[in-house]
Amino acid sequence: AIVIGLLIMKASIDIFKETAVTLTDGYDEEELTQIQQIISSVPGIKEIRDIKARSHGVISFIDVTIAVNPKLNVIESHEISDHIESKLQARLGEVETIVHIEPYLLNDVER
């Protein structure tokens, strides 16, 4: 009976470890690194300032803040945003992405 109890306890701990991140709206660090690499591969991005992600079932919600050349017009900036969304969807499947675009300024004191 003790052995069976220990096996049940070990299985419970393993299940908890696998689901704890999802239950707390967290996101796996390896997946965040993959997302960062995908976004970094998009031409025109000077800096990734912030990435937030969470899962809800099979859908991932990704919120990213990027910095681009401040001389780009709205259409060019929007094309970068669309490119990010397309690449993430192609690589990760079903994702909802919000891309915040900021100007990349060399003398930006906050960065």
Protein backbone atom coordinates (compact mmCIF):
# COMPACT_ATOMS: atom_id res chain seq x y z
CA ALA A 1 0.00 0.00 0.00
CA ILE A 2 2.88 2.37 0.79
CA VAL A 3 4.50 1.69 -2.60
CA ILE A 4 1.23 2.36 -4.42
CA GLY A 5 0.78 5.57 -2.41
CA LEU A 6 4.29 6.72 -3.33
CA LEU A 7 3.66 5.96 -7.02
CA ILE A 8 0.44 7.97 -6.93
CA MET A 9 2.23 10.85 -5.19
CA LYS A 10 5.06 10.83 -7.77
CA ALA A 11 2.55 10.82 -10.64
CA SER A 12 0.68 13.72 -9.02
CA ILE A 13 3.88 15.75 -8.67
CA ASP A 14 4.83 15.08 -12.30
CA ILE A 15 1.38 16.17 -13.51
CA PHE A 16 1.53 19.30 -11.34
CA LYS A 17 4.95 20.26 -12.74
CA GLU A 18 3.67 19.90 -16.31
CA THR A 19 0.53 21.99 -15.77
CA ALA A 20 1.66 24.59 -13.22
CA VAL A 21 2.96 27.00 -15.87
CA THR A 22 -0.28 26.80 -17.85
CA LEU A 23 -2.47 27.16 -14.79
CA THR A 24 -0.71 30.35 -13.75
CA ASP A 25 -0.90 31.90 -17.26
CA GLY A 26 2.83 31.43 -17.57
CA TYR A 27 4.79 30.58 -20.67
CA ASP A 28 7.70 28.22 -21.12
CA GLU A 29 11.11 29.96 -21.31
CA GLU A 30 12.19 27.84 -24.29
CA GLU A 31 9.07 28.88 -26.18
CA LEU A 32 9.70 32.55 -25.33
CA THR A 33 13.24 32.19 -26.67
CA GLN A 34 11.85 30.65 -29.86
CA ILE A 35 9.37 33.53 -30.21
CA GLN A 36 12.18 36.04 -29.73
CA GLN A 37 14.26 34.32 -32.43
CA ILE A 38 11.33 34.33 -34.86
CA ILE A 39 10.67 38.03 -34.26
CA SER A 40 14.38 38.91 -34.50
CA SER A 41 14.52 37.34 -37.96
CA VAL A 42 12.09 39.94 -39.33
CA PRO A 43 13.94 42.68 -41.24
CA GLY A 44 13.56 46.24 -39.97
CA ILE A 45 13.48 45.50 -36.25
CA LYS A 46 16.14 47.43 -34.35
CA GLU A 47 15.26 46.10 -30.89
CA ILE A 48 12.79 43.85 -29.11
CA ARG A 49 11.85 45.72 -25.96
CA ASP A 50 9.29 43.41 -24.38
CA ILE A 51 7.60 40.07 -25.00
CA LYS A 52 4.66 38.71 -23.03
CA ALA A 53 2.93 35.46 -23.86
CA ARG A 54 0.31 33.20 -22.38
CA SER A 55 -1.61 30.14 -23.49
CA HIS A 56 -5.32 29.57 -23.44
CA GLY A 57 -5.97 26.05 -24.59
CA VAL A 58 -4.36 25.64 -28.00
CA ILE A 59 -4.16 29.38 -28.67
CA SER A 60 -1.15 31.47 -27.69
CA PHE A 61 -1.53 35.19 -27.01
CA ILE A 62 1.65 37.14 -27.71
CA ASP A 63 2.20 40.82 -26.94
CA VAL A 64 5.47 42.24 -28.23
CA THR A 65 7.00 45.73 -28.20
CA ILE A 66 9.58 46.44 -30.88
CA ALA A 67 11.65 49.45 -31.88
CA VAL A 68 12.05 50.40 -35.53
CA ASN A 69 13.72 53.17 -37.50
CA PRO A 70 11.86 56.36 -36.50
CA LYS A 71 11.89 57.52 -40.13
CA LEU A 72 9.65 54.67 -41.30
CA ASN A 73 6.16 55.70 -42.29
CA VAL A 74 3.01 54.06 -40.94
CA ILE A 75 2.68 51.71 -43.90
CA GLU A 76 6.27 50.45 -43.56
CA SER A 77 5.87 49.96 -39.80
CA HIS A 78 2.59 48.13 -40.35
CA GLU A 79 4.28 45.81 -42.88
CA ILE A 80 6.84 44.85 -40.22
CA SER A 81 3.99 44.13 -37.80
CA ASP A 82 2.21 41.98 -40.41
CA HIS A 83 5.43 40.12 -41.14
CA ILE A 84 5.87 39.32 -37.43
CA GLU A 85 2.30 38.04 -37.17
CA SER A 86 2.66 35.88 -40.30
CA LYS A 87 5.95 34.33 -39.18
CA LEU A 88 4.64 33.55 -35.70
CA GLN A 89 1.50 31.97 -37.11
CA ALA A 90 3.48 29.89 -39.62
CA ARG A 91 5.85 28.56 -36.96
CA LEU A 92 3.62 28.29 -33.90
CA GLY A 93 0.16 27.63 -35.28
CA GLU A 94 -2.79 29.41 -33.77
CA VAL A 95 -1.60 32.68 -32.21
CA GLU A 96 -3.14 36.06 -31.49
CA THR A 97 -0.43 38.69 -31.71
CA ILE A 98 -0.36 42.33 -30.69
CA VAL A 99 2.66 44.27 -31.91
CA HIS A 100 3.47 47.63 -30.33
CA ILE A 101 5.83 49.72 -32.44
CA GLU A 102 8.09 52.39 -30.94
CA PRO A 103 10.77 54.56 -32.55
CA TYR A 104 14.35 53.43 -32.05
CA LEU A 105 16.25 56.42 -30.72
CA LEU A 106 19.94 56.22 -29.84
CA ASN A 107 19.62 58.81 -27.08
CA ASP A 108 16.54 57.20 -25.51
CA VAL A 109 17.36 57.52 -21.79
CA GLU A 110 14.80 54.95 -20.68
CA ARG A 111 16.49 52.13 -22.59
